[in-house]
Each structure stands twice: as C-alpha cells, then as structure tokens.
Amino acid sequence: MKQLILLISLVWFSAISPLLAKDLYMDTLSNSDTMLIEYHPIGEFHTSLTPQTGAPRQGILVPENKGTIEIYKEYQEALRDLEACEYIIVLYHMHMSSTWHSSVRPPNSSRQFGLFATRSPNRPNPIGFAVIKLHKVDGAFLHVSGIDAFDGTPVLDIKPWLPSIDCPEKGNNQLIEKEVGLRE
C-alpha cells in the first residue's frame, strides 16, 4: 500500500500538483517505520593501516601517515579542479566499526561523554569525516597525508576544505578538546 501511495504521489508531483504531491510524498517518508538510506562508494583508501596495526585517533595529528585514495572510473571526471585544494574533506564508511553506545570514555579522559560530543568511530551510522592534505591528483589516485582510515575503507564523498566556511571564527570547543586530550 505504501508503495502505491508513493507511486501515486510521484505521478501527482510531476504532472498534476507539484506542491501538494511533494507534501504527501514527504509525509509518507517521514511516517515510515524504517527509512532505508543507501550510499555507494566512489572509491577506497589505500593505506598502511590495518585492524592489526590500528589507526590514529585523528589523522590530522599524524601528518606523516601517507596513502592514496583511488576513485572509481565512473567518478573520475568529478576530480577536475580538485588539485587546486591543499586540504580536502573526505567522508567514508567506517566498515570496521563495532557496536555503538550512547556514552563513551575517550582515550586520555577520566569521564564519560555523550557519543555525539566525541569522535568515537563506533556510531549509529559509522560515517567517518577527515580533513586531509592533498599532495597530488594523479589520474584516478589522490596522494594524501594525515590519514586515519584502514586500507580498503570505502570513500563516500570528497569536498574541498574551505577555511572561510569550515572554520567558524567564534567556534570554541576548548572544554571538549581539553577533556579528550587534544588541548593543554
């Protein structure tokens, strides 16, 4: 029945009444018990990091960690102009992540934090986020450093890191940074 409603709302959306059909379509989605969100990797990391060797807590803290990101053929054209970026944001699927908990104790901290106030890899949706240095674009390969992802980790998206947008002037998370051992 839900699929029929979705189909009717899509037809209505495209042909009869775009505004009303869109509302019906969105209501149907938001009222569903489970919403499936599906992503497909655009590439993968090639690094020296394995589950046996471990990974650093934050890649930017170890700029000597070098590797490549291989972009799959159908996405390679989208790399055009990326070489102008010194740093990039990489979103990836933390496929080695384990069960998540609502509170965690970060390394070097004496207390528990709510999961969303930490950078723990064990999350309800294990999506990794890293700002990494881009050294070179060589065909399908991005030569990068400051990596914290295991070899073979699926890459979901790449965006330019833009200081004017990604570094809020008045941002102050010093308490959290101090508590988790990133600041003196």
Protein backbone atom coordinates (compact mmCIF):
# COMPACT_ATOMS: atom_id res chain seq x y z
CA MET A 1 0.00 0.00 0.00
CA LYS A 2 2.80 2.43 0.91
CA GLN A 3 4.49 1.83 -2.43
CA LEU A 4 1.24 2.58 -4.25
CA ILE A 5 0.84 5.84 -2.30
CA LEU A 6 4.44 6.77 -3.12
CA LEU A 7 3.91 5.99 -6.80
CA ILE A 8 0.67 7.99 -6.95
CA SER A 9 2.29 10.92 -5.14
CA LEU A 10 5.24 10.88 -7.54
CA VAL A 11 2.93 10.92 -10.56
CA TRP A 12 0.88 13.68 -8.97
CA PHE A 13 4.06 15.53 -8.07
CA SER A 14 5.32 15.51 -11.62
CA ALA A 15 2.08 16.07 -13.51
CA ILE A 16 -0.83 17.43 -11.51
CA SER A 17 0.04 19.38 -8.41
CA PRO A 18 3.72 19.63 -7.52
CA LEU A 19 3.32 21.29 -4.12
CA LEU A 20 0.58 19.01 -2.77
CA ALA A 21 2.20 15.84 -4.12
CA LYS A 22 5.55 16.75 -2.59
CA ASP A 23 3.90 17.17 0.83
CA LEU A 24 2.17 13.79 0.53
CA TYR A 25 5.40 12.14 -0.58
CA MET A 26 7.40 13.65 2.31
CA ASP A 27 4.68 12.75 4.85
CA THR A 28 4.73 9.16 3.64
CA LEU A 29 8.51 9.01 4.00
CA SER A 30 8.59 10.63 7.44
CA ASN A 31 5.86 8.33 8.77
CA SER A 32 7.56 5.14 7.65
CA ASP A 33 8.87 2.87 10.38
CA THR A 34 12.24 2.50 8.74
CA MET A 35 13.81 4.64 6.10
CA LEU A 36 16.50 2.93 4.09
CA ILE A 37 19.31 5.22 3.01
CA GLU A 38 21.71 3.69 0.54
CA TYR A 39 25.12 5.01 -0.49
CA HIS A 40 27.60 3.63 -2.97
CA PRO A 41 31.35 4.13 -2.56
CA ILE A 42 33.08 6.43 -5.02
CA GLY A 43 36.47 4.93 -4.22
CA GLU A 44 38.62 3.49 -1.46
CA PHE A 45 41.63 4.28 0.70
CA HIS A 46 44.97 2.58 0.12
CA THR A 47 46.97 2.93 3.34
CA SER A 48 49.38 1.00 5.53
CA LEU A 49 46.80 0.96 8.33
CA THR A 50 45.10 -2.34 9.16
CA PRO A 51 42.97 -3.54 12.07
CA GLN A 52 46.12 -5.30 13.32
CA THR A 53 48.30 -2.15 13.26
CA GLY A 54 45.48 0.12 14.42
CA ALA A 55 44.67 3.65 13.33
CA PRO A 56 45.46 7.01 14.92
CA ARG A 57 42.67 8.75 16.84
CA GLN A 58 42.72 11.64 14.38
CA GLY A 59 44.62 11.58 11.11
CA ILE A 60 45.49 15.25 11.19
CA LEU A 61 47.56 14.58 14.33
CA VAL A 62 49.88 12.30 12.30
CA PRO A 63 50.65 14.16 9.06
CA GLU A 64 53.31 11.57 8.20
CA ASN A 65 50.59 8.93 7.56
CA LYS A 66 50.54 8.86 3.76
CA GLY A 67 48.46 6.93 1.28
CA THR A 68 46.21 7.24 -1.71
CA ILE A 69 42.53 7.39 -2.43
CA GLU A 70 41.55 5.51 -5.57
CA ILE A 71 38.48 6.96 -7.27
CA TYR A 72 36.38 4.51 -9.27
CA LYS A 73 36.12 5.04 -13.02
CA GLU A 74 32.57 6.43 -13.15
CA TYR A 75 33.52 9.24 -10.71
CA GLN A 76 36.95 10.21 -12.07
CA GLU A 77 35.71 13.14 -14.17
CA ALA A 78 34.44 14.74 -10.95
CA LEU A 79 38.08 15.13 -9.82
CA ARG A 80 38.58 18.01 -12.26
CA ASP A 81 39.92 21.13 -10.48
CA LEU A 82 40.42 19.30 -7.16
CA GLU A 83 44.21 19.73 -7.43
CA ALA A 84 43.66 23.42 -6.56
CA CYS A 85 42.83 22.32 -3.00
CA GLU A 86 45.54 21.96 -0.37
CA TYR A 87 43.16 20.18 2.01
CA ILE A 88 40.05 18.12 1.32
CA ILE A 89 37.24 16.72 3.43
CA VAL A 90 36.73 13.01 2.94
CA LEU A 91 33.59 11.22 4.12
CA TYR A 92 33.98 7.48 4.43
CA HIS A 93 32.24 4.39 5.74
CA MET A 94 33.92 3.06 8.89
CA HIS A 95 33.29 -0.54 7.91
CA MET A 96 35.31 -1.98 10.81
CA SER A 97 33.25 -0.14 13.42
CA SER A 98 31.64 -2.13 16.21
CA THR A 99 28.51 -1.68 18.29
CA TRP A 100 27.82 1.87 19.44
CA HIS A 101 26.89 3.10 22.92
CA SER A 102 25.21 6.38 23.86
CA SER A 103 28.09 7.36 26.12
CA VAL A 104 31.81 6.66 25.78
CA ARG A 105 35.05 7.44 27.59
CA PRO A 106 37.55 8.85 25.10
CA PRO A 107 41.22 7.88 25.46
CA ASN A 108 43.07 10.22 27.86
CA SER A 109 39.81 11.26 29.53
CA SER A 110 38.70 10.45 33.04
CA ARG A 111 34.97 10.70 32.37
CA GLN A 112 32.18 9.55 30.09
CA PHE A 113 30.80 11.79 27.32
CA GLY A 114 27.68 11.54 25.23
CA LEU A 115 28.64 9.81 21.99
CA PHE A 116 27.82 12.85 19.83
CA ALA A 117 30.26 15.00 21.85
CA THR A 118 33.11 12.67 20.84
CA ARG A 119 34.90 11.46 17.73
CA SER A 120 34.42 7.78 18.58
CA PRO A 121 34.32 5.59 15.45
CA ASN A 122 31.55 3.43 16.94
CA ARG A 123 28.40 5.30 15.94
CA PRO A 124 24.81 4.52 14.91
CA ASN A 125 25.80 5.45 11.34
CA PRO A 126 29.55 4.82 11.09
CA ILE A 127 30.42 7.67 8.76
CA GLY A 128 33.97 8.96 9.08
CA PHE A 129 34.94 12.57 8.43
CA ALA A 130 38.53 13.64 7.88
CA VAL A 131 40.31 16.78 6.76
CA ILE A 132 43.38 15.52 4.95
CA LYS A 133 46.20 17.11 2.99
CA LEU A 134 46.03 16.62 -0.77
CA HIS A 135 49.50 16.42 -2.31
CA LYS A 136 48.68 15.45 -5.87
CA VAL A 137 45.91 14.25 -8.18
CA ASP A 138 47.35 11.57 -10.47
CA GLY A 139 44.61 10.22 -12.73
CA ALA A 140 42.30 8.15 -10.52
CA PHE A 141 44.57 8.49 -7.48
CA LEU A 142 44.70 11.22 -4.85
CA HIS A 143 48.01 11.27 -2.97
CA VAL A 144 47.16 12.34 0.57
CA SER A 145 48.52 12.51 4.12
CA GLY A 146 47.08 12.79 7.62
CA ILE A 147 45.02 9.61 7.18
CA ASP A 148 43.22 7.68 9.91
CA ALA A 149 41.36 5.13 7.74
CA PHE A 150 42.20 1.47 7.23
CA ASP A 151 43.35 0.10 3.89
CA GLY A 152 40.30 -0.67 1.75
CA THR A 153 37.98 1.72 3.60
CA PRO A 154 35.14 2.79 1.26
CA VAL A 155 35.11 6.51 0.38
CA LEU A 156 31.63 8.07 0.17
CA ASP A 157 32.36 11.67 -0.82
CA ILE A 158 35.07 14.30 -1.21
CA LYS A 159 34.63 18.03 -0.72
CA PRO A 160 37.05 20.95 -0.73
CA TRP A 161 38.06 22.18 2.72
CA LEU A 162 37.30 25.91 2.74
CA PRO A 163 38.63 27.85 5.74
CA SER A 164 36.10 30.66 5.29
CA ILE A 165 33.26 28.16 5.73
CA ASP A 166 34.77 25.30 7.71
CA CYS A 167 36.47 27.35 10.47
CA PRO A 168 33.88 29.40 12.35
CA GLU A 169 35.65 32.42 13.85
CA LYS A 170 33.91 32.21 17.18
CA GLY A 171 33.85 28.44 17.44
CA ASN A 172 35.03 27.36 20.86
CA ASN A 173 35.10 23.71 21.81
CA GLN A 174 38.12 24.02 24.09
CA LEU A 175 36.44 22.27 27.03
CA ILE A 176 35.74 19.15 24.97
CA GLU A 177 39.21 19.30 23.36
CA LYS A 178 40.86 19.58 26.78
CA GLU A 179 38.76 16.76 28.25
CA VAL A 180 39.64 14.36 25.43
CA GLY A 181 43.35 15.23 25.49
CA LEU A 182 43.64 17.37 22.35
CA ARG A 183 44.44 20.63 24.16
CA GLU A 184 46.59 21.51 27.19
